[in-house]
Amino acid sequence: MAAKTVLIVYAHQSAGSFNAAVKDAAVDALKKQGCNVLVSDLYEMKFKATATKEDITGPPKNPEHFRYGNETMLAWQEGRLSSDITDEHKKLKEADLVIFQFPMYWFSVPAIMKGWMDRVLTLGFAYTLEKRYSEGVFRDKKAMLSFTTGSNETMFSSNGINGDMNVTLWPIQNGVLNYCGFQVLAPQIFWAPTLLSPEAREGLLEGWRARLHGLLNEAPLSFPPVDIFDEGKGFQLKPEVREKQAESPFGLTVGHHLEKPLPPHNQMKAGV
């Protein structure tokens, strides 16, 4: 059986950080399993975060109104994308699993990582209107978020001041990863490591190493397939699906809540 390839997209400025330790633990554990491990260290690479005309070579198709998605799709088709994007495309093509490693900034990813998503997940290469969600380009690949928070876990609960972490994760896990077809593994969340003792932080790393041993065989989170939505009715849930769901006390997902309580842990645990 061919060795699996894992791409770690990593965003932290310091090699002395806890995020760096988490990334290094993953590299070490995955290599010991025989995986090929690729790392895109975005700050070290000075990766450009902004999506601009400089991402293509040659004249744009419509210089009067530069439409980034259309122009980069055409450039991708014609081999005219900038080299930093095509380098990441090559890594993504090889990868069986992509791990995004970062400190949570403003309830999301750091700007440099958002820029990676904006620029590397190119229209045509990573998704099209026909190939998205369960029919997505990357449906044979897995992806996951691994990140640190500045707040304690209690603050990200449904009763906490920051609100439910499941809601926070929905735009990234559904709107980026699932949208491109990835099978999304449950996130690895390191709650407020800066508030912990060195011994407690080492305990978090040990837990991560233990998870990494079975990571490639984990079941992904559940997202509704494309075929339960009616394209002719504006991609609304089909009536029979709504009827089937009527008896459930919960909605389908965080996003497809059907004006019901959110299903617990929908974006944090597989099989729920």
C-alpha atoms as a PDB file:
ATOM      1  CA  MET A   1       0.000   0.000   0.000  1.00  0.00           C
ATOM      2  CA  ALA A   2       1.353   3.432  -0.964  1.00  0.00           C
ATOM      3  CA  ALA A   3       2.434   5.747   1.829  1.00  0.00           C
ATOM      4  CA  LYS A   4      -0.046   8.468   2.731  1.00  0.00           C
ATOM      5  CA  THR A   5       0.912  12.107   2.240  1.00  0.00           C
ATOM      6  CA  VAL A   6      -0.009  14.725   4.832  1.00  0.00           C
ATOM      7  CA  LEU A   7       0.220  18.461   4.201  1.00  0.00           C
ATOM      8  CA  ILE A   8       0.441  20.698   7.274  1.00  0.00           C
ATOM      9  CA  VAL A   9      -0.467  24.313   6.544  1.00  0.00           C
ATOM     10  CA  TYR A  10       1.097  26.084   9.508  1.00  0.00           C
ATOM     11  CA  ALA A  11       0.688  29.688  10.636  1.00  0.00           C
ATOM     12  CA  HIS A  12       2.665  30.923  13.621  1.00  0.00           C
ATOM     13  CA  GLN A  13       5.451  33.463  13.787  1.00  0.00           C
ATOM     14  CA  SER A  14       7.572  31.720  16.449  1.00  0.00           C
ATOM     15  CA  ALA A  15       9.418  28.407  16.440  1.00  0.00           C
ATOM     16  CA  GLY A  16       9.229  28.569  20.244  1.00  0.00           C
ATOM     17  CA  SER A  17       5.429  28.621  20.338  1.00  0.00           C
ATOM     18  CA  PHE A  18       3.053  25.910  21.481  1.00  0.00           C
ATOM     19  CA  ASN A  19       1.659  25.835  17.932  1.00  0.00           C
ATOM     20  CA  ALA A  20       5.154  25.009  16.699  1.00  0.00           C
ATOM     21  CA  ALA A  21       5.391  22.187  19.248  1.00  0.00           C
ATOM     22  CA  VAL A  22       2.029  20.826  18.056  1.00  0.00           C
ATOM     23  CA  LYS A  23       3.187  21.000  14.437  1.00  0.00           C
ATOM     24  CA  ASP A  24       6.492  19.309  15.256  1.00  0.00           C
ATOM     25  CA  ALA A  25       4.695  16.548  17.171  1.00  0.00           C
ATOM     26  CA  ALA A  26       2.518  15.899  14.138  1.00  0.00           C
ATOM     27  CA  VAL A  27       5.484  15.799  11.755  1.00  0.00           C
ATOM     28  CA  ASP A  28       7.323  13.360  14.016  1.00  0.00           C
ATOM     29  CA  ALA A  29       4.342  11.068  14.705  1.00  0.00           C
ATOM     30  CA  LEU A  30       3.192  10.935  11.094  1.00  0.00           C
ATOM     31  CA  LYS A  31       6.685  10.229   9.751  1.00  0.00           C
ATOM     32  CA  LYS A  32       7.004   7.368  12.246  1.00  0.00           C
ATOM     33  CA  GLN A  33       3.838   5.935  10.693  1.00  0.00           C
ATOM     34  CA  GLY A  34       5.528   6.006   7.291  1.00  0.00           C
ATOM     35  CA  CYS A  35       3.698   9.075   5.986  1.00  0.00           C
ATOM     36  CA  ASN A  36       5.208  11.611   3.646  1.00  0.00           C
ATOM     37  CA  VAL A  37       4.841  14.933   5.468  1.00  0.00           C
ATOM     38  CA  LEU A  38       4.846  18.300   3.687  1.00  0.00           C
ATOM     39  CA  VAL A  39       4.832  21.554   5.669  1.00  0.00           C
ATOM     40  CA  SER A  40       3.821  24.959   4.342  1.00  0.00           C
ATOM     41  CA  ASP A  41       5.204  27.319   7.001  1.00  0.00           C
ATOM     42  CA  LEU A  42       3.335  30.419   5.862  1.00  0.00           C
ATOM     43  CA  TYR A  43       5.216  33.045   7.874  1.00  0.00           C
ATOM     44  CA  GLU A  44       8.583  31.510   7.022  1.00  0.00           C
ATOM     45  CA  MET A  45       7.526  31.485   3.360  1.00  0.00           C
ATOM     46  CA  LYS A  46       6.316  35.095   3.634  1.00  0.00           C
ATOM     47  CA  PHE A  47       3.199  33.853   1.909  1.00  0.00           C
ATOM     48  CA  LYS A  48       1.193  36.680   0.340  1.00  0.00           C
ATOM     49  CA  ALA A  49      -2.236  36.934   1.951  1.00  0.00           C
ATOM     50  CA  THR A  50      -3.948  39.277  -0.503  1.00  0.00           C
ATOM     51  CA  ALA A  51      -5.764  38.066  -3.616  1.00  0.00           C
ATOM     52  CA  THR A  52      -4.655  40.487  -6.349  1.00  0.00           C
ATOM     53  CA  LYS A  53      -3.880  40.832 -10.053  1.00  0.00           C
ATOM     54  CA  GLU A  54      -0.313  39.765  -9.236  1.00  0.00           C
ATOM     55  CA  ASP A  55      -1.612  36.209  -8.827  1.00  0.00           C
ATOM     56  CA  ILE A  56      -1.759  35.814 -12.601  1.00  0.00           C
ATOM     57  CA  THR A  57       0.804  36.411 -15.316  1.00  0.00           C
ATOM     58  CA  GLY A  58      -0.102  38.060 -18.571  1.00  0.00           C
ATOM     59  CA  PRO A  59      -2.942  40.516 -19.176  1.00  0.00           C
ATOM     60  CA  PRO A  60      -6.284  39.943 -17.443  1.00  0.00           C
ATOM     61  CA  LYS A  61      -9.259  38.951 -19.563  1.00  0.00           C
ATOM     62  CA  ASN A  62     -11.206  42.005 -18.371  1.00  0.00           C
ATOM     63  CA  PRO A  63      -8.831  44.785 -17.238  1.00  0.00           C
ATOM     64  CA  GLU A  64     -11.753  47.172 -16.661  1.00  0.00           C
ATOM     65  CA  HIS A  65     -13.340  44.903 -14.053  1.00  0.00           C
ATOM     66  CA  PHE A  66     -10.916  42.409 -12.548  1.00  0.00           C
ATOM     67  CA  ARG A  67     -12.969  39.479 -11.239  1.00  0.00           C
ATOM     68  CA  TYR A  68     -10.572  37.406  -9.167  1.00  0.00           C
ATOM     69  CA  GLY A  69     -12.362  34.056  -9.403  1.00  0.00           C
ATOM     70  CA  ASN A  70     -12.857  34.163 -13.159  1.00  0.00           C
ATOM     71  CA  GLU A  71      -9.386  35.495 -13.894  1.00  0.00           C
ATOM     72  CA  THR A  72      -7.577  32.959 -11.695  1.00  0.00           C
ATOM     73  CA  MET A  73      -9.639  30.068 -13.079  1.00  0.00           C
ATOM     74  CA  LEU A  74      -8.634  31.051 -16.605  1.00  0.00           C
ATOM     75  CA  ALA A  75      -5.021  31.503 -15.491  1.00  0.00           C
ATOM     76  CA  TRP A  76      -5.106  28.045 -13.855  1.00  0.00           C
ATOM     77  CA  GLN A  77      -6.445  26.505 -17.069  1.00  0.00           C
ATOM     78  CA  GLU A  78      -3.746  28.244 -19.115  1.00  0.00           C
ATOM     79  CA  GLY A  79      -0.842  27.735 -16.678  1.00  0.00           C
ATOM     80  CA  ARG A  80      -0.559  31.432 -15.826  1.00  0.00           C
ATOM     81  CA  LEU A  81      -0.933  31.412 -12.033  1.00  0.00           C
ATOM     82  CA  SER A  82       1.863  32.779  -9.868  1.00  0.00           C
ATOM     83  CA  SER A  83       4.422  30.215  -8.725  1.00  0.00           C
ATOM     84  CA  ASP A  84       3.579  30.445  -5.012  1.00  0.00           C
ATOM     85  CA  ILE A  85       0.020  29.318  -5.794  1.00  0.00           C
ATOM     86  CA  THR A  86       1.061  26.523  -8.167  1.00  0.00           C
ATOM     87  CA  ASP A  87       3.589  25.250  -5.600  1.00  0.00           C
ATOM     88  CA  GLU A  88       0.753  24.856  -3.089  1.00  0.00           C
ATOM     89  CA  HIS A  89      -1.455  23.242  -5.735  1.00  0.00           C
ATOM     90  CA  LYS A  90       1.205  20.548  -6.215  1.00  0.00           C
ATOM     91  CA  LYS A  91       1.246  19.836  -2.477  1.00  0.00           C
ATOM     92  CA  LEU A  92      -2.546  19.690  -2.326  1.00  0.00           C
ATOM     93  CA  LYS A  93      -2.694  17.247  -5.239  1.00  0.00           C
ATOM     94  CA  GLU A  94      -0.326  14.917  -3.390  1.00  0.00           C
ATOM     95  CA  ALA A  95      -2.004  15.213   0.004  1.00  0.00           C
ATOM     96  CA  ASP A  96      -4.351  12.582   1.390  1.00  0.00           C
ATOM     97  CA  LEU A  97      -4.847  14.708   4.524  1.00  0.00           C
ATOM     98  CA  VAL A  98      -4.431  18.446   5.134  1.00  0.00           C
ATOM     99  CA  ILE A  99      -3.949  19.718   8.694  1.00  0.00           C
ATOM    100  CA  PHE A 100      -4.364  23.451   9.297  1.00  0.00           C
ATOM    101  CA  GLN A 101      -2.298  24.385  12.380  1.00  0.00           C
ATOM    102  CA  PHE A 102      -2.834  27.870  13.812  1.00  0.00           C
ATOM    103  CA  PRO A 103      -3.702  30.064  16.791  1.00  0.00           C
ATOM    104  CA  MET A 104      -7.328  31.211  16.578  1.00  0.00           C
ATOM    105  CA  TYR A 105      -7.493  34.920  15.694  1.00  0.00           C
ATOM    106  CA  TRP A 106     -10.798  36.736  16.095  1.00  0.00           C
ATOM    107  CA  PHE A 107     -12.809  33.477  16.056  1.00  0.00           C
ATOM    108  CA  SER A 108     -11.148  32.448  12.777  1.00  0.00           C
ATOM    109  CA  VAL A 109      -7.814  31.706  11.152  1.00  0.00           C
ATOM    110  CA  PRO A 110      -4.934  34.237  10.961  1.00  0.00           C
ATOM    111  CA  ALA A 111      -4.976  36.504   7.896  1.00  0.00           C
ATOM    112  CA  ILE A 112      -2.020  34.722   6.313  1.00  0.00           C
ATOM    113  CA  MET A 113      -3.891  31.399   6.475  1.00  0.00           C
ATOM    114  CA  LYS A 114      -7.111  32.956   5.198  1.00  0.00           C
ATOM    115  CA  GLY A 115      -5.010  34.287   2.332  1.00  0.00           C
ATOM    116  CA  TRP A 116      -3.789  30.760   1.633  1.00  0.00           C
ATOM    117  CA  MET A 117      -7.418  29.634   1.427  1.00  0.00           C
ATOM    118  CA  ASP A 118      -8.422  32.596  -0.729  1.00  0.00           C
ATOM    119  CA  ARG A 119      -5.577  32.120  -3.189  1.00  0.00           C
ATOM    120  CA  VAL A 120      -4.782  28.396  -3.226  1.00  0.00           C
ATOM    121  CA  LEU A 121      -8.356  27.094  -3.289  1.00  0.00           C
ATOM    122  CA  THR A 122      -8.655  28.433  -6.809  1.00  0.00           C
ATOM    123  CA  LEU A 123     -11.935  28.300  -8.723  1.00  0.00           C
ATOM    124  CA  GLY A 124     -11.692  25.362 -11.109  1.00  0.00           C
ATOM    125  CA  PHE A 125      -8.831  23.719  -9.238  1.00  0.00           C
ATOM    126  CA  ALA A 126     -10.533  23.361  -5.837  1.00  0.00           C
ATOM    127  CA  TYR A 127     -14.232  23.766  -6.632  1.00  0.00           C
ATOM    128  CA  THR A 128     -16.787  24.572  -9.293  1.00  0.00           C
ATOM    129  CA  LEU A 129     -20.537  25.133  -9.106  1.00  0.00           C
ATOM    130  CA  GLU A 130     -20.955  21.510 -10.206  1.00  0.00           C
ATOM    131  CA  LYS A 131     -18.223  20.100  -7.976  1.00  0.00           C
ATOM    132  CA  ARG A 132     -18.749  21.223  -4.390  1.00  0.00           C
ATOM    133  CA  TYR A 133     -19.798  19.833  -1.021  1.00  0.00           C
ATOM    134  CA  SER A 134     -20.324  16.033  -1.247  1.00  0.00           C
ATOM    135  CA  GLU A 135     -19.575  16.185  -4.992  1.00  0.00           C
ATOM    136  CA  GLY A 136     -16.481  18.309  -4.397  1.00  0.00           C
ATOM    137  CA  VAL A 137     -13.112  18.133  -6.092  1.00  0.00           C
ATOM    138  CA  PHE A 138     -11.354  16.947  -2.917  1.00  0.00           C
ATOM    139  CA  ARG A 139     -13.922  14.360  -1.803  1.00  0.00           C
ATOM    140  CA  ASP A 140     -11.203  11.666  -1.669  1.00  0.00           C
ATOM    141  CA  LYS A 141      -9.083  13.780   0.684  1.00  0.00           C
ATOM    142  CA  LYS A 142      -9.400  14.578   4.377  1.00  0.00           C
ATOM    143  CA  ALA A 143      -8.789  17.870   6.155  1.00  0.00           C
ATOM    144  CA  MET A 144      -8.911  19.144   9.716  1.00  0.00           C
ATOM    145  CA  LEU A 145      -8.321  22.164  11.907  1.00  0.00           C
ATOM    146  CA  SER A 146      -5.820  21.996  14.771  1.00  0.00           C
ATOM    147  CA  PHE A 147      -5.610  25.198  16.764  1.00  0.00           C
ATOM    148  CA  THR A 148      -5.060  26.971  20.054  1.00  0.00           C
ATOM    149  CA  THR A 149      -7.444  29.370  21.733  1.00  0.00           C
ATOM    150  CA  GLY A 150      -6.840  32.281  24.040  1.00  0.00           C
ATOM    151  CA  SER A 151     -10.004  31.535  26.048  1.00  0.00           C
ATOM    152  CA  ASN A 152     -10.904  28.619  28.271  1.00  0.00           C
ATOM    153  CA  GLU A 153     -13.243  25.908  26.998  1.00  0.00           C
ATOM    154  CA  THR A 154     -16.067  27.094  29.251  1.00  0.00           C
ATOM    155  CA  MET A 155     -16.069  30.458  27.483  1.00  0.00           C
ATOM    156  CA  PHE A 156     -16.735  28.717  24.142  1.00  0.00           C
ATOM    157  CA  SER A 157     -19.734  26.750  25.402  1.00  0.00           C
ATOM    158  CA  SER A 158     -23.381  27.372  24.533  1.00  0.00           C
ATOM    159  CA  ASN A 159     -23.693  29.143  27.888  1.00  0.00           C
ATOM    160  CA  GLY A 160     -20.308  30.862  27.687  1.00  0.00           C
ATOM    161  CA  ILE A 161     -19.546  34.462  26.810  1.00  0.00           C
ATOM    162  CA  ASN A 162     -17.908  33.554  23.462  1.00  0.00           C
ATOM    163  CA  GLY A 163     -20.774  31.310  22.404  1.00  0.00           C
ATOM    164  CA  ASP A 164     -20.829  27.744  21.118  1.00  0.00           C
ATOM    165  CA  MET A 165     -17.551  26.658  19.462  1.00  0.00           C
ATOM    166  CA  ASN A 166     -19.622  24.503  17.090  1.00  0.00           C
ATOM    167  CA  VAL A 167     -21.125  27.711  15.681  1.00  0.00           C
ATOM    168  CA  THR A 168     -17.699  29.361  15.449  1.00  0.00           C
ATOM    169  CA  LEU A 169     -16.311  26.443  13.442  1.00  0.00           C
ATOM    170  CA  TRP A 170     -19.175  26.206  10.933  1.00  0.00           C
ATOM    171  CA  PRO A 171     -18.009  28.875   8.438  1.00  0.00           C
ATOM    172  CA  ILE A 172     -14.534  27.327   8.147  1.00  0.00           C
ATOM    173  CA  GLN A 173     -15.353  23.643   8.330  1.00  0.00           C
ATOM    174  CA  ASN A 174     -18.480  23.794   6.176  1.00  0.00           C
ATOM    175  CA  GLY A 175     -17.909  26.948   4.136  1.00  0.00           C
ATOM    176  CA  VAL A 176     -14.309  26.188   3.154  1.00  0.00           C
ATOM    177  CA  LEU A 177     -13.335  22.556   3.772  1.00  0.00           C
ATOM    178  CA  ASN A 178     -16.616  20.747   3.164  1.00  0.00           C
ATOM    179  CA  TYR A 179     -17.412  23.153   0.306  1.00  0.00           C
ATOM    180  CA  CYS A 180     -14.299  21.932  -1.509  1.00  0.00           C
ATOM    181  CA  GLY A 181     -15.363  18.345  -0.865  1.00  0.00           C
ATOM    182  CA  PHE A 182     -12.906  17.451   1.898  1.00  0.00           C
ATOM    183  CA  GLN A 183     -13.938  14.813   4.401  1.00  0.00           C
ATOM    184  CA  VAL A 184     -13.599  16.962   7.530  1.00  0.00           C
ATOM    185  CA  LEU A 185     -12.119  15.315  10.602  1.00  0.00           C
ATOM    186  CA  ALA A 186     -13.091  16.544  14.050  1.00  0.00           C
ATOM    187  CA  PRO A 187     -10.955  19.529  15.096  1.00  0.00           C
ATOM    188  CA  GLN A 188      -8.083  19.254  17.544  1.00  0.00           C
ATOM    189  CA  ILE A 189      -8.599  22.129  19.963  1.00  0.00           C
ATOM    190  CA  PHE A 190      -5.975  23.171  22.509  1.00  0.00           C
ATOM    191  CA  TRP A 191      -7.854  25.309  24.999  1.00  0.00           C
ATOM    192  CA  ALA A 192      -5.884  28.319  26.297  1.00  0.00           C
ATOM    193  CA  PRO A 193      -2.437  26.676  26.552  1.00  0.00           C
ATOM    194  CA  THR A 194      -0.844  29.965  27.665  1.00  0.00           C
ATOM    195  CA  LEU A 195      -2.854  29.694  30.898  1.00  0.00           C
ATOM    196  CA  LEU A 196      -1.520  26.207  31.670  1.00  0.00           C
ATOM    197  CA  SER A 197       1.586  24.901  33.397  1.00  0.00           C
ATOM    198  CA  PRO A 198       4.398  23.384  31.299  1.00  0.00           C
ATOM    199  CA  GLU A 199       3.343  19.960  32.578  1.00  0.00           C
ATOM    200  CA  ALA A 200      -0.249  20.498  31.497  1.00  0.00           C
ATOM    201  CA  ARG A 201       0.877  21.675  28.059  1.00  0.00           C
ATOM    202  CA  GLU A 202       2.972  18.525  27.715  1.00  0.00           C
ATOM    203  CA  GLY A 203      -0.157  16.560  28.584  1.00  0.00           C
ATOM    204  CA  LEU A 204      -1.972  18.240  25.698  1.00  0.00           C
ATOM    205  CA  LEU A 205       0.839  17.248  23.350  1.00  0.00           C
ATOM    206  CA  GLU A 206       0.698  13.651  24.569  1.00  0.00           C
ATOM    207  CA  GLY A 207      -3.025  13.568  23.824  1.00  0.00           C
ATOM    208  CA  TRP A 208      -2.337  14.887  20.324  1.00  0.00           C
ATOM    209  CA  ARG A 209       0.372  12.274  19.721  1.00  0.00           C
ATOM    210  CA  ALA A 210      -2.044   9.555  20.793  1.00  0.00           C
ATOM    211  CA  ARG A 211      -4.701  10.812  18.400  1.00  0.00           C
ATOM    212  CA  LEU A 212      -2.225  11.015  15.535  1.00  0.00           C
ATOM    213  CA  HIS A 213      -1.682   7.246  15.686  1.00  0.00           C
ATOM    214  CA  GLY A 214      -5.189   6.610  14.383  1.00  0.00           C
ATOM    215  CA  LEU A 215      -5.861   9.922  12.668  1.00  0.00           C
ATOM    216  CA  LEU A 216      -5.830   8.699   9.079  1.00  0.00           C
ATOM    217  CA  ASN A 217      -8.506   6.112   9.864  1.00  0.00           C
ATOM    218  CA  GLU A 218     -10.890   8.406  11.746  1.00  0.00           C
ATOM    219  CA  ALA A 219     -14.472   8.835  10.586  1.00  0.00           C
ATOM    220  CA  PRO A 220     -15.218  12.376   9.372  1.00  0.00           C
ATOM    221  CA  LEU A 221     -17.838  14.791  10.646  1.00  0.00           C
ATOM    222  CA  SER A 222     -21.302  14.563   9.099  1.00  0.00           C
ATOM    223  CA  PHE A 223     -22.490  17.048   6.495  1.00  0.00           C
ATOM    224  CA  PRO A 224     -25.629  16.704   4.355  1.00  0.00           C
ATOM    225  CA  PRO A 225     -25.057  15.452   0.798  1.00  0.00           C
ATOM    226  CA  VAL A 226     -25.863  17.623  -2.190  1.00  0.00           C
ATOM    227  CA  ASP A 227     -28.635  15.346  -3.397  1.00  0.00           C
ATOM    228  CA  ILE A 228     -30.986  16.160  -0.510  1.00  0.00           C
ATOM    229  CA  PHE A 229     -31.293  19.728  -1.813  1.00  0.00           C
ATOM    230  CA  ASP A 230     -33.557  20.714  -4.726  1.00  0.00           C
ATOM    231  CA  GLU A 231     -31.569  22.751  -7.248  1.00  0.00           C
ATOM    232  CA  GLY A 232     -34.757  23.759  -9.036  1.00  0.00           C
ATOM    233  CA  LYS A 233     -36.088  25.303  -5.822  1.00  0.00           C
ATOM    234  CA  GLY A 234     -32.988  27.342  -5.017  1.00  0.00           C
ATOM    235  CA  PHE A 235     -31.132  24.466  -3.349  1.00  0.00           C
ATOM    236  CA  GLN A 236     -33.698  24.135  -0.549  1.00  0.00           C
ATOM    237  CA  LEU A 237     -33.954  20.917   1.452  1.00  0.00           C
ATOM    238  CA  LYS A 238     -36.291  18.526  -0.322  1.00  0.00           C
ATOM    239  CA  PRO A 239     -39.739  18.227   1.331  1.00  0.00           C
ATOM    240  CA  GLU A 240     -39.281  14.534   2.074  1.00  0.00           C
ATOM    241  CA  VAL A 241     -36.076  15.308   3.973  1.00  0.00           C
ATOM    242  CA  ARG A 242     -37.815  17.961   6.037  1.00  0.00           C
ATOM    243  CA  GLU A 243     -40.649  15.541   6.763  1.00  0.00           C
ATOM    244  CA  LYS A 244     -38.219  12.834   7.851  1.00  0.00           C
ATOM    245  CA  GLN A 245     -36.475  15.346  10.105  1.00  0.00           C
ATOM    246  CA  ALA A 246     -39.736  16.618  11.626  1.00  0.00           C
ATOM    247  CA  GLU A 247     -39.661  14.136  14.504  1.00  0.00           C
ATOM    248  CA  SER A 248     -36.080  14.911  15.464  1.00  0.00           C
ATOM    249  CA  PRO A 249     -35.591  17.277  18.417  1.00  0.00           C
ATOM    250  CA  PHE A 250     -32.581  18.791  16.626  1.00  0.00           C
ATOM    251  CA  GLY A 251     -31.754  20.314  13.279  1.00  0.00           C
ATOM    252  CA  LEU A 252     -29.556  18.529  10.744  1.00  0.00           C
ATOM    253  CA  THR A 253     -26.419  20.559  11.436  1.00  0.00           C
ATOM    254  CA  VAL A 254     -25.310  23.839  12.960  1.00  0.00           C
ATOM    255  CA  GLY A 255     -26.158  25.559   9.672  1.00  0.00           C
ATOM    256  CA  HIS A 256     -29.205  23.509   8.685  1.00  0.00           C
ATOM    257  CA  HIS A 257     -30.867  23.928  12.060  1.00  0.00           C
ATOM    258  CA  LEU A 258     -34.450  24.012  10.706  1.00  0.00           C
ATOM    259  CA  GLU A 259     -35.271  26.526  13.459  1.00  0.00           C
ATOM    260  CA  LYS A 260     -34.668  23.804  16.046  1.00  0.00           C
ATOM    261  CA  PRO A 261     -32.017  23.370  18.745  1.00  0.00           C
ATOM    262  CA  LEU A 262     -28.576  22.755  17.285  1.00  0.00           C
ATOM    263  CA  PRO A 263     -27.385  19.146  17.327  1.00  0.00           C
ATOM    264  CA  PRO A 264     -24.817  18.902  20.152  1.00  0.00           C
ATOM    265  CA  HIS A 265     -21.137  18.747  19.152  1.00  0.00           C
ATOM    266  CA  ASN A 266     -22.065  18.738  15.452  1.00  0.00           C
ATOM    267  CA  GLN A 267     -18.807  20.419  14.419  1.00  0.00           C
ATOM    268  CA  MET A 268     -16.586  18.861  17.079  1.00  0.00           C
ATOM    269  CA  LYS A 269     -17.257  15.114  17.131  1.00  0.00           C
ATOM    270  CA  ALA A 270     -17.815  12.512  14.424  1.00  0.00           C
ATOM    271  CA  GLY A 271     -20.906  10.351  14.504  1.00  0.00           C
ATOM    272  CA  VAL A 272     -23.275  12.844  16.114  1.00  0.00           C
END
